[in-house]
Amino acid sequence: MAKFEEVKNGVIFPSGEKNDAFAQFFVGQSYLKTLVADSAINVGVGNVTFEPGCRNNWHIHHDGFQILLVTGGEGWYQEEGKAAQFLQAGDVVVTHDGIKHWHGATNDSWFEHIAITAGTPEWLEAVSDADYLSLKNKESRV
């Protein structure tokens, strides 16, 4: 049994449907519930839920940004050239324009965040299994 199984039903907002539209940019299964999709403000807000082991590919937001508000479970965030950051409910991550990064669940936990995103994403290569699995021994905070 994975940790934080309750996250799969949504913590604050529903977990949404299988994220088929972006499945090619994820390793594993994610779910998406769009919360704000207003072209007049050019900012999208969505609740993204990750099954254990699921993560998105490396990507860059051009002419914009991304803010992640972690609402449940345990996950990872990493910027290129930096160590991965362990995430849990209450954490906030700000990704500035042009920064290559990825985020997703730990190997043994569900994970959910609200993503506030502006700009155009450029999807890149997947996070390798070797790099991802090397993080598993660092998943606890003191």
C-alpha atoms as a PDB file:
ATOM      1  CA  MET A   1       0.000   0.000   0.000  1.00  0.00           C
ATOM      2  CA  ALA A   2       1.341   3.405  -0.990  1.00  0.00           C
ATOM      3  CA  LYS A   3       1.593   6.299   1.424  1.00  0.00           C
ATOM      4  CA  PHE A   4      -1.093   9.006   1.352  1.00  0.00           C
ATOM      5  CA  GLU A   5      -3.651   6.885  -0.554  1.00  0.00           C
ATOM      6  CA  GLU A   6      -6.326   9.446   0.394  1.00  0.00           C
ATOM      7  CA  VAL A   7      -4.723  11.926  -2.013  1.00  0.00           C
ATOM      8  CA  LYS A   8      -5.985   9.924  -4.997  1.00  0.00           C
ATOM      9  CA  ASN A   9      -9.493  11.272  -4.309  1.00  0.00           C
ATOM     10  CA  GLY A  10      -8.330  14.882  -4.052  1.00  0.00           C
ATOM     11  CA  VAL A  11      -7.374  16.788  -0.931  1.00  0.00           C
ATOM     12  CA  ILE A  12      -8.984  20.207  -1.427  1.00  0.00           C
ATOM     13  CA  PHE A  13     -10.149  19.943  -5.040  1.00  0.00           C
ATOM     14  CA  PRO A  14     -11.104  16.772  -6.943  1.00  0.00           C
ATOM     15  CA  SER A  15      -8.219  14.883  -8.523  1.00  0.00           C
ATOM     16  CA  GLY A  16      -9.873  15.099 -11.925  1.00  0.00           C
ATOM     17  CA  GLU A  17      -9.644  12.794 -14.907  1.00  0.00           C
ATOM     18  CA  LYS A  18      -6.665  10.849 -16.218  1.00  0.00           C
ATOM     19  CA  ASN A  19      -4.287  13.413 -17.694  1.00  0.00           C
ATOM     20  CA  ASP A  20      -4.377  11.905 -21.196  1.00  0.00           C
ATOM     21  CA  ALA A  21      -3.772  15.230 -22.953  1.00  0.00           C
ATOM     22  CA  PHE A  22      -0.291  15.449 -21.396  1.00  0.00           C
ATOM     23  CA  ALA A  23       0.412  11.720 -20.896  1.00  0.00           C
ATOM     24  CA  GLN A  24       3.295  11.803 -23.378  1.00  0.00           C
ATOM     25  CA  PHE A  25       5.108  14.224 -21.052  1.00  0.00           C
ATOM     26  CA  PHE A  26       4.792  12.053 -17.922  1.00  0.00           C
ATOM     27  CA  VAL A  27       6.287   8.807 -16.674  1.00  0.00           C
ATOM     28  CA  GLY A  28       3.411   7.071 -14.880  1.00  0.00           C
ATOM     29  CA  GLN A  29      -0.195   8.138 -14.383  1.00  0.00           C
ATOM     30  CA  SER A  30      -1.279  11.647 -13.462  1.00  0.00           C
ATOM     31  CA  TYR A  31      -4.707  13.241 -13.126  1.00  0.00           C
ATOM     32  CA  LEU A  32      -5.754  16.814 -13.902  1.00  0.00           C
ATOM     33  CA  LYS A  33      -8.635  18.950 -12.698  1.00  0.00           C
ATOM     34  CA  THR A  34      -8.561  22.338 -14.443  1.00  0.00           C
ATOM     35  CA  LEU A  35      -9.578  25.034 -11.958  1.00  0.00           C
ATOM     36  CA  VAL A  36      -9.022  28.193 -14.045  1.00  0.00           C
ATOM     37  CA  ALA A  37      -8.843  28.308 -17.842  1.00  0.00           C
ATOM     38  CA  ASP A  38      -9.484  31.932 -18.767  1.00  0.00           C
ATOM     39  CA  SER A  39      -7.629  33.073 -21.900  1.00  0.00           C
ATOM     40  CA  ALA A  40      -8.216  36.714 -20.922  1.00  0.00           C
ATOM     41  CA  ILE A  41      -5.777  36.376 -17.993  1.00  0.00           C
ATOM     42  CA  ASN A  42      -3.236  33.970 -19.566  1.00  0.00           C
ATOM     43  CA  VAL A  43      -2.774  32.049 -16.304  1.00  0.00           C
ATOM     44  CA  GLY A  44      -3.895  28.474 -15.903  1.00  0.00           C
ATOM     45  CA  VAL A  45      -4.631  26.871 -12.558  1.00  0.00           C
ATOM     46  CA  GLY A  46      -4.942  23.141 -12.191  1.00  0.00           C
ATOM     47  CA  ASN A  47      -4.977  20.485  -9.530  1.00  0.00           C
ATOM     48  CA  VAL A  48      -2.463  17.809 -10.546  1.00  0.00           C
ATOM     49  CA  THR A  49      -2.419  14.421  -8.831  1.00  0.00           C
ATOM     50  CA  PHE A  50       0.430  11.931  -9.311  1.00  0.00           C
ATOM     51  CA  GLU A  51       0.296   8.210  -8.594  1.00  0.00           C
ATOM     52  CA  PRO A  52       3.342   6.856  -6.731  1.00  0.00           C
ATOM     53  CA  GLY A  53       6.387   6.977  -9.003  1.00  0.00           C
ATOM     54  CA  CYS A  54       4.770   9.373 -11.485  1.00  0.00           C
ATOM     55  CA  ARG A  55       6.701  12.432 -12.569  1.00  0.00           C
ATOM     56  CA  ASN A  56       6.628  14.848 -15.459  1.00  0.00           C
ATOM     57  CA  ASN A  57       9.424  15.318 -17.976  1.00  0.00           C
ATOM     58  CA  TRP A  58      11.977  18.059 -17.699  1.00  0.00           C
ATOM     59  CA  HIS A  59      10.362  21.221 -19.010  1.00  0.00           C
ATOM     60  CA  ILE A  60      10.735  24.993 -19.284  1.00  0.00           C
ATOM     61  CA  HIS A  61       8.088  27.721 -19.044  1.00  0.00           C
ATOM     62  CA  HIS A  62       8.854  30.434 -21.603  1.00  0.00           C
ATOM     63  CA  ASP A  63       7.523  33.989 -21.146  1.00  0.00           C
ATOM     64  CA  GLY A  64       5.944  32.972 -17.865  1.00  0.00           C
ATOM     65  CA  PHE A  65       6.379  31.076 -14.605  1.00  0.00           C
ATOM     66  CA  GLN A  66       4.980  28.259 -12.512  1.00  0.00           C
ATOM     67  CA  ILE A  67       3.965  28.229  -8.857  1.00  0.00           C
ATOM     68  CA  LEU A  68       3.297  24.905  -7.147  1.00  0.00           C
ATOM     69  CA  LEU A  69       1.204  24.784  -3.962  1.00  0.00           C
ATOM     70  CA  VAL A  70       1.635  21.313  -2.475  1.00  0.00           C
ATOM     71  CA  THR A  71      -1.632  20.073  -0.955  1.00  0.00           C
ATOM     72  CA  GLY A  72      -0.925  16.424  -0.191  1.00  0.00           C
ATOM     73  CA  GLY A  73       1.393  13.452  -0.255  1.00  0.00           C
ATOM     74  CA  GLU A  74       5.119  13.475  -0.861  1.00  0.00           C
ATOM     75  CA  GLY A  75       6.968  14.531  -3.971  1.00  0.00           C
ATOM     76  CA  TRP A  76      10.052  15.954  -5.620  1.00  0.00           C
ATOM     77  CA  TYR A  77      10.974  19.160  -7.410  1.00  0.00           C
ATOM     78  CA  GLN A  78      14.279  19.655  -9.169  1.00  0.00           C
ATOM     79  CA  GLU A  79      15.857  22.427 -11.217  1.00  0.00           C
ATOM     80  CA  GLU A  80      18.633  21.561 -13.649  1.00  0.00           C
ATOM     81  CA  GLY A  81      22.027  21.590 -11.950  1.00  0.00           C
ATOM     82  CA  LYS A  82      20.556  21.582  -8.422  1.00  0.00           C
ATOM     83  CA  ALA A  83      19.702  18.885  -5.895  1.00  0.00           C
ATOM     84  CA  ALA A  84      16.116  17.610  -5.843  1.00  0.00           C
ATOM     85  CA  GLN A  85      13.881  19.097  -3.132  1.00  0.00           C
ATOM     86  CA  PHE A  86      11.605  16.809  -1.114  1.00  0.00           C
ATOM     87  CA  LEU A  87       8.066  18.223  -0.992  1.00  0.00           C
ATOM     88  CA  GLN A  88       5.099  17.688   1.301  1.00  0.00           C
ATOM     89  CA  ALA A  89       1.802  19.421   2.071  1.00  0.00           C
ATOM     90  CA  GLY A  90       2.266  23.130   2.725  1.00  0.00           C
ATOM     91  CA  ASP A  91       5.375  23.559   0.567  1.00  0.00           C
ATOM     92  CA  VAL A  92       5.434  26.233  -2.138  1.00  0.00           C
ATOM     93  CA  VAL A  93       7.739  26.239  -5.160  1.00  0.00           C
ATOM     94  CA  VAL A  94       8.255  29.168  -7.532  1.00  0.00           C
ATOM     95  CA  THR A  95       9.795  28.402 -10.929  1.00  0.00           C
ATOM     96  CA  HIS A  96      10.908  31.477 -12.835  1.00  0.00           C
ATOM     97  CA  ASP A  97      10.812  31.996 -16.581  1.00  0.00           C
ATOM     98  CA  GLY A  98      13.265  29.847 -18.537  1.00  0.00           C
ATOM     99  CA  ILE A  99      14.247  27.453 -15.724  1.00  0.00           C
ATOM    100  CA  LYS A 100      14.486  23.769 -16.699  1.00  0.00           C
ATOM    101  CA  HIS A 101      12.816  21.613 -14.035  1.00  0.00           C
ATOM    102  CA  TRP A 102      10.607  18.617 -13.240  1.00  0.00           C
ATOM    103  CA  HIS A 103       8.273  17.567 -10.412  1.00  0.00           C
ATOM    104  CA  GLY A 104       6.351  14.504  -9.322  1.00  0.00           C
ATOM    105  CA  ALA A 105       5.552  11.950  -6.648  1.00  0.00           C
ATOM    106  CA  THR A 106       8.050  10.008  -4.597  1.00  0.00           C
ATOM    107  CA  ASN A 107       8.351   6.357  -5.524  1.00  0.00           C
ATOM    108  CA  ASP A 108       6.062   5.194  -2.698  1.00  0.00           C
ATOM    109  CA  SER A 109       3.552   8.030  -2.210  1.00  0.00           C
ATOM    110  CA  TRP A 110       0.679   9.753  -3.930  1.00  0.00           C
ATOM    111  CA  PHE A 111       1.338  13.460  -4.491  1.00  0.00           C
ATOM    112  CA  GLU A 112      -0.846  16.448  -5.295  1.00  0.00           C
ATOM    113  CA  HIS A 113      -0.226  20.103  -6.037  1.00  0.00           C
ATOM    114  CA  ILE A 114      -2.032  23.070  -7.455  1.00  0.00           C
ATOM    115  CA  ALA A 115      -0.089  24.434 -10.430  1.00  0.00           C
ATOM    116  CA  ILE A 116      -0.446  28.118 -11.319  1.00  0.00           C
ATOM    117  CA  THR A 117       1.144  28.498 -14.718  1.00  0.00           C
ATOM    118  CA  ALA A 118       1.707  31.286 -17.244  1.00  0.00           C
ATOM    119  CA  GLY A 119       3.584  31.233 -20.514  1.00  0.00           C
ATOM    120  CA  THR A 120       4.313  28.461 -22.963  1.00  0.00           C
ATOM    121  CA  PRO A 121       5.771  25.136 -21.824  1.00  0.00           C
ATOM    122  CA  GLU A 122       8.574  23.445 -23.715  1.00  0.00           C
ATOM    123  CA  TRP A 123       8.507  19.741 -22.918  1.00  0.00           C
ATOM    124  CA  LEU A 124      11.872  17.997 -22.904  1.00  0.00           C
ATOM    125  CA  GLU A 125      13.321  14.574 -22.056  1.00  0.00           C
ATOM    126  CA  ALA A 126      11.977  12.268 -19.364  1.00  0.00           C
ATOM    127  CA  VAL A 127      13.697  12.074 -15.989  1.00  0.00           C
ATOM    128  CA  SER A 128      15.645   8.819 -16.226  1.00  0.00           C
ATOM    129  CA  ASP A 129      14.665   5.937 -13.978  1.00  0.00           C
ATOM    130  CA  ALA A 130      18.230   5.807 -12.656  1.00  0.00           C
ATOM    131  CA  ASP A 131      18.222   9.477 -11.632  1.00  0.00           C
ATOM    132  CA  TYR A 132      14.701   9.274 -10.195  1.00  0.00           C
ATOM    133  CA  LEU A 133      15.255   6.051  -8.227  1.00  0.00           C
ATOM    134  CA  SER A 134      18.497   7.400  -6.779  1.00  0.00           C
ATOM    135  CA  LEU A 135      16.333   9.863  -4.813  1.00  0.00           C
ATOM    136  CA  LYS A 136      14.435   7.177  -2.888  1.00  0.00           C
ATOM    137  CA  ASN A 137      16.894   7.037  -0.001  1.00  0.00           C
ATOM    138  CA  LYS A 138      16.556  10.750   0.637  1.00  0.00           C
ATOM    139  CA  GLU A 139      12.778  10.906   1.071  1.00  0.00           C
ATOM    140  CA  SER A 140      12.554  11.643   4.780  1.00  0.00           C
ATOM    141  CA  ARG A 141      12.875  14.929   6.597  1.00  0.00           C
ATOM    142  CA  VAL A 142      14.104  15.185  10.156  1.00  0.00           C
END
